[in-house]
Each structure stands twice: as C-alpha cells, then as structure tokens.
C-alpha cells in the first residue's frame, strides 16, 4: 500500500526534505570554518554554504549566541515551509516534532518567572521551533510573568498541544505526599506547586510524556514509518534512560529515598525496556550500572568510554584519554547522527522529517562549538568536538 499511495499525499514533501539533505555542511565547509580567526570570518565562510547571507543584517561585533539564534530561525523557517505542504497524518507528525521544543520554551518561561526575569530577556532564549500563539501574550511588556502564573497556566493548557502533559505533571506533583494523583487542579494552586518543583525533573517528566505519546502515534501509522521511527524512538528512549541514570549518580537522586523519583523519568518503551530498565532502576553507583548494562554491548561500551573520561579527570590525565568527548551527551550525539543518517536509506516513511530536524540541530551545535573554539582560541580541539553529518564513507 505504501508503494501505491504514499506519494499521492506525501511524495512532494518527502522529495523536498530529501533535497534539503544536500544543504548540510560538507567536510570542506568545516575546514573553512575551522580556519577562521574571528566570528566575522565565520560569517563570510557561512555565506559560501547553504546558510547564505542569513547573517548579513546582524551588526558587528557578532556574538556566538547571535549565530546560534539565526541558525535556529533558518531551521524553523524551513520546518514551517515543509509543514505548510503536508496533509494528515504527516501534519500531526510535524506537530509532535515541534512539541519537544515547546516543552523547552515552557520550562524557560517558568524558570525566568521564578528568577524575576523580564519578558524581553526571555525572548532571547525562545526556541523558534517551539513558538506557540500564547507566547505573544506572555512576551509582551505589559504581561506580568512573575505574578501571572494562573494566566500562564491557562495559556499553556489552551494554546499548546503539550497542555495534557503539563496538567498531568502538576496533578502528580505532590503525589509522594498525597500518595494518589489529584483528580483535578485549581489554577490558584499552580503558583505554589511550580515554586516548589525542580525544573530539571519537570522538564525530564514532560519530555518523557511527549516521547511516549510520539512513539504511540508512530506505531499507529504502521508500515515503514512504524519500523524506522520505532527504531529511532526506542534508541532515544534508551539514551534518555542512560542520561538520567548517569546524571543522577553521586546525587541525591541515587539515594534510596529518591530512587522512585529518578525511576519515574524512565520511558516505558525501548530496547532496554523492561528488563534493562528494571535492572537500572536499582543501581546507585558505577559498579551497579556496569553490571546492569552487561547484556547490552553497545550501551556498555558507551558507559565504559564515559567512565574512562571521568576516571582520567579524577586522576588528572586530562581530556586526551577520551578523544575529545566530554560527557555521555557527546557520545550520544555521535551515535544519534549515524542513526538519523540511516533513516534516509529507506523510502515512503515519515522518519526522514524527524531525522532531518535532528541532524540540522546537530549541525547548529557544530557551528556553535566552532564559534566558541574560535573565541577561546582553542581551534586545535575543533576536530575532536564536532560530529560530521553525511561524511563521505570510504
């Protein structure tokens, strides 16, 4: 059925996104960027690429944050163009991709409100892919973010598709105390609940809910979309489990009283689920993590590389022992790039849209990292920091 009907509804948009694949920076582009001595040189080097003159209206001096912001705006423009050409169910699929960035924006707004930040300051940090209608109200100079939690809560629920995730989180916010999730929530309670919450845990909980919802939607599509997206989202769920576990080590989240909170952040699907997740739910130090990952060679190798880095840091050997990787996040970025590249090897599925967005985000990280290396005059570390995308295979 995919061979006979996919192109009728989605053939044009798939062709466009496969065309956009040609716009990723080449090894020669990276060499040009790495040879730059200033951010102005980087502006000129990027003009020779698919990014074109996207920085031409930015005044000097140029900042790393400005380059990153303009890169994300270009990605958002291309994403919106693609979405405008879609029909269901691809339109909903694209909505799911944007929801992850909506979560980032929601957490940023709440963080800014708790820190008494003005709306103008928050606007600089907004991810353009996660902009929703209600943000215009929140970002206006007349809107009292600090005193308007009730209004913010209503905007999140009404104007964003992540409202159900947000509401479910707030209902369960005091579950340890009440032992049961709340049946409902008064808007007047929101401010008090948010003030007491750990925003990193809130963010991880919302993204877990989004990932599970996205996975369920992709599986309901069947065919090659379910196969390709199922594989990518399962690996993403596994990486999320590893991130939560590694970042919780040597913190109170690995203590017996907080294990329940940490374990609630594990997605309920993936290649580690359920046996591996069950084993990891009991770990509290490096030794127990390694034992839990023994049956999973790929993930065990990732853990050993990260452990080697932290061990070398403790012993004062420096970063040379880890070939430039700084944390498990960097190792996961490299693994993800290969996974997303492989999505383009099959046809007639939605996975190329997700893979293209993720690869473009990695490219933006590469550009930001190079810009930071140029500013810090540590360009000898560039090759060890960036993750090439669609690099030529020998």
Protein backbone atom coordinates (compact mmCIF):
# COMPACT_ATOMS: atom_id res chain seq x y z
CA UNK A 1 0.00 0.00 0.00
CA UNK A 2 2.87 2.43 0.74
CA UNK A 3 4.29 1.92 -2.76
CA UNK A 4 0.96 2.76 -4.36
CA UNK A 5 -0.39 5.54 -2.13
CA UNK A 6 2.39 7.26 -0.13
CA UNK A 7 3.49 9.57 -2.94
CA UNK A 8 -0.08 10.74 -3.60
CA UNK A 9 -0.22 12.59 -0.27
CA UNK A 10 3.36 12.89 0.92
CA UNK A 11 5.61 12.47 -2.15
CA UNK A 12 6.27 16.20 -2.64
CA UNK A 13 7.19 16.94 0.97
CA UNK A 14 9.43 13.85 1.16
CA UNK A 15 11.19 15.00 -2.03
CA UNK A 16 11.70 18.49 -0.54
CA UNK A 17 13.20 17.17 2.69
CA UNK A 18 15.48 14.82 0.76
CA UNK A 19 16.54 17.85 -1.27
CA UNK A 20 17.29 19.75 1.93
CA UNK A 21 19.65 16.93 2.86
CA UNK A 22 22.04 18.31 0.21
CA UNK A 23 22.35 21.52 2.22
CA UNK A 24 24.29 20.05 5.16
CA UNK A 25 27.82 21.39 5.64
CA UNK A 26 30.48 19.35 3.85
CA UNK A 27 33.93 18.42 5.23
CA UNK A 28 35.35 21.25 3.11
CA UNK A 29 32.88 23.70 4.72
CA UNK A 30 34.00 22.59 8.18
CA UNK A 31 37.65 23.02 7.20
CA UNK A 32 36.88 26.58 6.07
CA UNK A 33 35.07 27.35 9.33
CA UNK A 34 37.89 25.80 11.39
CA UNK A 35 40.43 28.07 9.68
CA UNK A 36 38.56 31.24 10.71
CA UNK A 37 40.24 33.55 13.22
CA UNK A 38 37.19 35.65 14.12
CA UNK A 39 33.40 35.38 14.07
CA UNK A 40 33.39 37.87 11.18
CA UNK A 41 35.45 35.34 9.22
CA UNK A 42 32.86 32.71 10.11
CA UNK A 43 30.11 34.99 8.77
CA UNK A 44 31.94 35.13 5.43
CA UNK A 45 32.63 31.38 5.40
CA UNK A 46 28.97 30.54 6.04
CA UNK A 47 27.92 32.73 3.11
CA UNK A 48 29.57 30.13 0.86
CA UNK A 49 27.27 27.40 2.21
CA UNK A 50 23.53 26.69 2.15
CA UNK A 51 23.14 29.18 5.03
CA UNK A 52 23.83 32.00 2.56
CA UNK A 53 23.51 35.60 3.76
CA UNK A 54 21.40 34.82 6.82
CA UNK A 55 23.75 36.93 8.99
CA UNK A 56 24.03 39.92 6.66
CA UNK A 57 21.69 42.15 8.70
CA UNK A 58 23.43 41.43 12.02
CA UNK A 59 25.63 44.31 13.24
CA UNK A 60 29.23 43.93 14.32
CA UNK A 61 30.56 42.73 16.66
CA UNK A 62 28.98 39.34 16.08
CA UNK A 63 28.26 37.05 19.06
CA UNK A 64 28.11 33.25 19.32
CA UNK A 65 24.54 33.47 20.63
CA UNK A 66 23.51 35.55 17.60
CA UNK A 67 24.89 32.95 15.18
CA UNK A 68 23.07 30.15 17.02
CA UNK A 69 19.81 32.07 17.12
CA UNK A 70 19.87 32.88 13.39
CA UNK A 71 20.69 29.23 12.58
CA UNK A 72 17.65 28.07 14.57
CA UNK A 73 15.46 30.69 12.88
CA UNK A 74 16.55 29.36 9.47
CA UNK A 75 15.69 25.81 10.61
CA UNK A 76 12.28 26.99 11.86
CA UNK A 77 11.54 28.76 8.55
CA UNK A 78 12.33 25.61 6.57
CA UNK A 79 10.32 23.49 9.01
CA UNK A 80 7.27 25.76 8.68
CA UNK A 81 7.56 25.68 4.89
CA UNK A 82 7.62 21.87 4.95
CA UNK A 83 4.69 21.68 7.35
CA UNK A 84 2.64 24.02 5.14
CA UNK A 85 2.85 21.43 2.34
CA UNK A 86 1.67 18.49 4.48
CA UNK A 87 -1.64 16.72 4.91
CA UNK A 88 -2.73 14.41 7.70
CA UNK A 89 -1.29 12.36 9.30
CA UNK A 90 2.04 14.00 8.41
CA UNK A 91 0.83 17.36 9.76
CA UNK A 92 0.29 15.83 13.20
CA UNK A 93 3.69 14.12 12.94
CA UNK A 94 5.32 17.51 12.35
CA UNK A 95 3.39 18.90 15.32
CA UNK A 96 4.91 16.19 17.50
CA UNK A 97 8.41 17.26 16.44
CA UNK A 98 7.66 20.86 17.45
CA UNK A 99 6.22 19.80 20.83
CA UNK A 100 9.67 18.89 22.16
CA UNK A 101 10.79 22.48 21.63
CA UNK A 102 7.55 23.80 23.14
CA UNK A 103 8.50 21.97 26.33
CA UNK A 104 11.90 23.72 26.31
CA UNK A 105 10.17 27.09 25.89
CA UNK A 106 7.63 26.40 28.65
CA UNK A 107 10.37 25.45 31.12
CA UNK A 108 12.41 28.51 30.11
CA UNK A 109 9.39 30.78 30.74
CA UNK A 110 8.75 29.24 34.16
CA UNK A 111 12.46 29.46 35.05
CA UNK A 112 12.51 33.11 34.00
CA UNK A 113 9.39 33.86 36.03
CA UNK A 114 10.85 32.26 39.15
CA UNK A 115 14.05 34.29 38.65
CA UNK A 116 12.09 37.55 38.12
CA UNK A 117 13.28 37.93 34.53
CA UNK A 118 11.62 40.49 32.26
CA UNK A 119 9.79 39.21 29.16
CA UNK A 120 12.31 40.91 26.86
CA UNK A 121 15.11 38.87 28.44
CA UNK A 122 13.14 35.63 28.00
CA UNK A 123 12.52 36.36 24.31
CA UNK A 124 16.21 35.99 23.52
CA UNK A 125 16.17 32.38 24.70
CA UNK A 126 13.00 31.23 22.93
CA UNK A 127 13.47 28.29 20.56
CA UNK A 128 11.76 29.39 17.29
CA UNK A 129 10.63 25.84 16.52
CA UNK A 130 8.59 25.74 19.73
CA UNK A 131 6.78 29.07 19.44
CA UNK A 132 3.02 28.95 20.10
CA UNK A 133 0.30 31.58 19.86
CA UNK A 134 0.09 32.35 23.58
CA UNK A 135 3.78 33.27 23.73
CA UNK A 136 2.98 36.62 22.12
CA UNK A 137 0.89 37.44 25.19
CA UNK A 138 3.49 36.15 27.64
CA UNK A 139 6.33 38.02 25.92
CA UNK A 140 4.52 41.36 25.78
CA UNK A 141 5.97 44.08 28.01
CA UNK A 142 2.63 44.58 29.80
CA UNK A 143 2.31 40.93 30.86
CA UNK A 144 3.30 40.30 34.47
CA UNK A 145 5.07 36.95 34.22
CA UNK A 146 6.07 36.89 37.90
CA UNK A 147 2.55 37.49 39.16
CA UNK A 148 0.69 35.80 36.34
CA UNK A 149 1.23 32.08 36.93
CA UNK A 150 -2.51 31.47 36.71
CA UNK A 151 -2.65 33.15 33.29
CA UNK A 152 0.50 31.34 32.15
CA UNK A 153 -1.07 28.03 33.22
CA UNK A 154 -4.23 28.73 31.21
CA UNK A 155 -2.18 29.72 28.14
CA UNK A 156 -0.16 26.50 28.35
CA UNK A 157 -3.31 24.39 28.59
CA UNK A 158 -5.32 26.16 25.88
CA UNK A 159 -2.71 27.24 23.32
CA UNK A 160 -0.23 24.37 23.33
CA UNK A 161 -0.59 20.69 22.46
CA UNK A 162 1.66 19.89 25.44
CA UNK A 163 -1.11 21.09 27.80
CA UNK A 164 -2.13 17.50 28.72
CA UNK A 165 1.48 16.62 29.65
CA UNK A 166 1.77 19.76 31.75
CA UNK A 167 -1.56 19.20 33.51
CA UNK A 168 -0.73 15.56 34.27
CA UNK A 169 2.62 16.59 35.73
CA UNK A 170 1.02 19.17 38.03
CA UNK A 171 -1.61 16.65 39.18
CA UNK A 172 1.20 14.29 40.19
CA UNK A 173 3.50 16.99 41.57
CA UNK A 174 2.69 16.27 45.23
CA UNK A 175 1.97 12.58 44.75
CA UNK A 176 4.60 11.45 47.25
CA UNK A 177 2.81 13.43 49.89
CA UNK A 178 -0.75 12.59 48.90
CA UNK A 179 0.07 9.06 47.61
CA UNK A 180 -2.58 9.48 44.90
CA UNK A 181 -2.65 11.69 41.83
CA UNK A 182 -5.05 14.58 42.06
CA UNK A 183 -8.32 14.27 40.17
CA UNK A 184 -8.20 17.96 39.28
CA UNK A 185 -6.26 21.12 39.90
CA UNK A 186 -7.28 24.64 40.87
CA UNK A 187 -5.50 27.35 38.92
CA UNK A 188 -4.81 29.16 42.19
CA UNK A 189 -2.64 26.21 43.28
CA UNK A 190 -0.34 26.39 40.26
CA UNK A 191 1.99 29.10 41.55
CA UNK A 192 2.62 27.28 44.82
CA UNK A 193 3.30 23.96 43.08
CA UNK A 194 5.65 25.40 40.44
CA UNK A 195 7.65 27.35 43.01
CA UNK A 196 8.48 24.12 44.84
CA UNK A 197 9.36 21.98 41.81
CA UNK A 198 12.79 21.02 40.48
CA UNK A 199 12.57 22.36 36.91
CA UNK A 200 15.05 19.82 35.52
CA UNK A 201 12.88 16.99 36.82
CA UNK A 202 9.79 18.74 35.44
CA UNK A 203 11.45 19.06 32.04
CA UNK A 204 12.51 15.40 32.03
CA UNK A 205 8.98 14.32 33.04
CA UNK A 206 7.30 16.37 30.31
CA UNK A 207 9.73 15.06 27.67
CA UNK A 208 9.14 11.50 28.83
CA UNK A 209 5.37 12.01 28.37
CA UNK A 210 5.99 13.55 24.93
CA UNK A 211 8.27 10.69 23.85
CA UNK A 212 5.77 8.02 24.91
CA UNK A 213 2.94 9.86 23.16
CA UNK A 214 5.03 10.30 19.99
CA UNK A 215 6.02 6.63 19.99
CA UNK A 216 2.39 5.56 20.30
CA UNK A 217 1.41 7.80 17.38
CA UNK A 218 4.21 6.45 15.15
CA UNK A 219 3.34 2.85 15.95
CA UNK A 220 -0.28 3.54 14.98
CA UNK A 221 0.88 4.56 11.47
CA UNK A 222 2.22 1.09 10.74
CA UNK A 223 4.43 0.21 7.77
CA UNK A 224 7.88 1.68 7.22
CA UNK A 225 7.11 4.73 9.38
CA UNK A 226 6.48 2.48 12.39
CA UNK A 227 9.62 0.49 11.62
CA UNK A 228 12.00 3.43 11.14
CA UNK A 229 10.54 5.76 13.78
CA UNK A 230 10.09 2.85 16.19
CA UNK A 231 13.82 2.12 15.99
CA UNK A 232 14.85 5.79 16.39
CA UNK A 233 12.48 6.50 19.28
CA UNK A 234 13.40 3.26 21.07
CA UNK A 235 17.07 4.22 20.92
CA UNK A 236 16.19 7.75 22.04
CA UNK A 237 14.26 6.28 24.99
CA UNK A 238 17.29 4.13 25.87
CA UNK A 239 19.62 7.13 25.67
CA UNK A 240 17.23 9.04 27.92
CA UNK A 241 17.41 6.21 30.46
CA UNK A 242 21.23 6.27 30.31
CA UNK A 243 21.34 10.07 30.65
CA UNK A 244 19.04 10.09 33.65
CA UNK A 245 20.98 7.26 35.30
CA UNK A 246 24.44 8.74 34.68
CA UNK A 247 23.47 12.29 35.65
CA UNK A 248 21.83 11.03 38.84
CA UNK A 249 24.96 9.20 40.05
CA UNK A 250 26.56 10.82 43.09
CA UNK A 251 23.47 12.97 43.63
CA UNK A 252 20.53 12.61 45.99
CA UNK A 253 18.54 11.01 43.14
CA UNK A 254 20.64 7.88 43.62
CA UNK A 255 19.82 7.66 47.31
CA UNK A 256 17.22 5.17 48.46
CA UNK A 257 14.69 7.87 49.31
CA UNK A 258 14.87 9.46 45.84
CA UNK A 259 15.16 6.38 43.61
CA UNK A 260 11.41 6.46 42.96
CA UNK A 261 11.68 10.00 41.56
CA UNK A 262 14.60 9.05 39.31
CA UNK A 263 12.93 5.86 38.08
CA UNK A 264 9.73 7.74 37.21
CA UNK A 265 11.73 9.53 34.50
CA UNK A 266 12.40 6.29 32.58
CA UNK A 267 10.22 5.88 29.43
CA UNK A 268 8.01 2.78 29.27
CA UNK A 269 9.41 1.50 25.97
CA UNK A 270 12.77 0.98 24.26
CA UNK A 271 15.32 -1.77 23.71
CA UNK A 272 16.26 -1.61 27.40
CA UNK A 273 12.61 -1.95 28.42
CA UNK A 274 11.55 -3.80 30.51
CA UNK A 275 14.47 -6.00 31.71
CA UNK A 276 17.25 -3.42 31.36
CA UNK A 277 15.17 -0.62 32.85
CA UNK A 278 14.24 -2.88 35.78
CA UNK A 279 17.95 -3.57 36.44
CA UNK A 280 18.91 0.10 36.11
CA UNK A 281 16.10 1.13 38.46
CA UNK A 282 18.10 -0.45 41.31
CA UNK A 283 21.55 1.00 40.59
CA UNK A 284 23.28 3.56 42.81
CA UNK A 285 26.96 3.63 41.69
CA UNK A 286 29.30 2.92 38.73
CA UNK A 287 29.69 -0.76 39.56
CA UNK A 288 25.97 -1.49 39.68
CA UNK A 289 25.36 0.48 36.46
CA UNK A 290 28.00 -1.56 34.64
CA UNK A 291 26.52 -4.81 35.92
CA UNK A 292 23.03 -3.77 34.73
CA UNK A 293 24.38 -2.95 31.25
CA UNK A 294 26.37 -6.19 30.82
CA UNK A 295 23.78 -7.80 28.47
CA UNK A 296 23.74 -4.69 26.24
CA UNK A 297 27.11 -4.50 24.48
CA UNK A 298 26.53 -1.19 22.67
CA UNK A 299 25.40 0.64 25.80
CA UNK A 300 28.10 -0.99 27.92
CA UNK A 301 30.71 0.35 25.52
CA UNK A 302 29.24 3.87 25.80
CA UNK A 303 29.33 3.62 29.59
CA UNK A 304 32.95 2.40 29.62
CA UNK A 305 34.04 5.33 27.42
CA UNK A 306 32.35 7.84 29.73
CA UNK A 307 33.69 6.14 32.83
CA UNK A 308 37.20 6.27 31.36
CA UNK A 309 36.83 10.02 30.83
CA UNK A 310 35.68 10.72 34.38
CA UNK A 311 38.36 8.45 35.80
CA UNK A 312 41.02 10.30 33.79
CA UNK A 313 39.61 13.62 35.02
CA UNK A 314 39.90 12.46 38.63
CA UNK A 315 43.46 11.25 38.13
CA UNK A 316 44.47 14.45 36.34
CA UNK A 317 45.26 12.87 32.95
CA UNK A 318 43.14 15.45 31.09
CA UNK A 319 40.90 15.13 28.09
CA UNK A 320 43.33 13.36 25.77
CA UNK A 321 42.27 9.96 27.11
CA UNK A 322 38.76 10.39 25.76
CA UNK A 323 39.41 11.58 22.20
CA UNK A 324 37.69 14.91 22.93
CA UNK A 325 34.38 13.60 24.24
CA UNK A 326 33.32 15.47 27.31
CA UNK A 327 30.32 13.55 28.60
CA UNK A 328 27.79 10.89 27.77
CA UNK A 329 25.79 13.55 25.90
CA UNK A 330 28.61 13.94 23.36
CA UNK A 331 28.85 10.19 22.81
CA UNK A 332 25.08 10.03 22.31
CA UNK A 333 25.20 12.90 19.80
CA UNK A 334 27.69 10.90 17.71
CA UNK A 335 25.59 7.73 17.93
CA UNK A 336 22.43 9.61 17.00
CA UNK A 337 23.95 11.16 13.88
CA UNK A 338 24.61 7.74 12.37
CA UNK A 339 21.11 6.57 13.31
CA UNK A 340 19.45 9.62 11.74
CA UNK A 341 21.58 9.33 8.60
CA UNK A 342 20.37 5.76 8.11
CA UNK A 343 16.74 6.96 8.10
CA UNK A 344 17.38 8.40 4.62
CA UNK A 345 18.28 4.96 3.28
CA UNK A 346 14.62 3.89 3.16
CA UNK A 347 11.70 5.47 1.33
CA UNK A 348 7.99 6.08 1.88
CA UNK A 349 8.09 6.96 5.57
CA UNK A 350 7.88 9.98 7.89
CA UNK A 351 11.19 9.26 9.66
CA UNK A 352 13.18 11.43 7.23
CA UNK A 353 11.42 14.56 8.56
CA UNK A 354 12.37 13.78 12.16
CA UNK A 355 15.90 12.76 11.13
CA UNK A 356 16.40 15.94 9.09
CA UNK A 357 15.40 18.20 12.04
CA UNK A 358 17.67 16.30 14.44
CA UNK A 359 20.63 16.36 12.03
CA UNK A 360 20.13 20.09 11.43
CA UNK A 361 20.15 20.66 15.20
CA UNK A 362 23.44 18.75 15.43
CA UNK A 363 24.87 20.89 12.64
CA UNK A 364 23.90 24.02 14.57
CA UNK A 365 25.64 22.59 17.65
CA UNK A 366 28.73 22.03 15.47
CA UNK A 367 28.65 25.66 14.28
CA UNK A 368 28.23 26.96 17.84
CA UNK A 369 31.07 24.76 19.09
CA UNK A 370 33.38 26.01 16.33
CA UNK A 371 32.41 29.61 17.12
CA UNK A 372 33.24 29.04 20.80
CA UNK A 373 36.59 27.46 19.89
CA UNK A 374 37.39 30.49 17.70
CA UNK A 375 36.50 32.90 20.52
CA UNK A 376 38.57 30.92 23.06
CA UNK A 377 41.45 30.49 20.59
CA UNK A 378 41.39 26.70 21.05
CA UNK A 379 40.86 25.72 17.42
CA UNK A 380 43.06 22.62 17.80
CA UNK A 381 40.11 20.99 19.62
CA UNK A 382 37.60 21.55 16.79
CA UNK A 383 38.11 18.19 15.02
CA UNK A 384 37.53 16.33 18.28
CA UNK A 385 34.39 18.31 19.13
CA UNK A 386 32.21 18.42 16.04
CA UNK A 387 30.19 15.47 14.73
CA UNK A 388 30.29 15.36 10.89
CA UNK A 389 26.96 14.79 9.12
CA UNK A 390 26.78 12.63 5.99
CA UNK A 391 30.57 12.48 5.95
CA UNK A 392 31.97 10.60 2.91
CA UNK A 393 32.30 6.89 3.66
CA UNK A 394 35.41 5.15 2.36
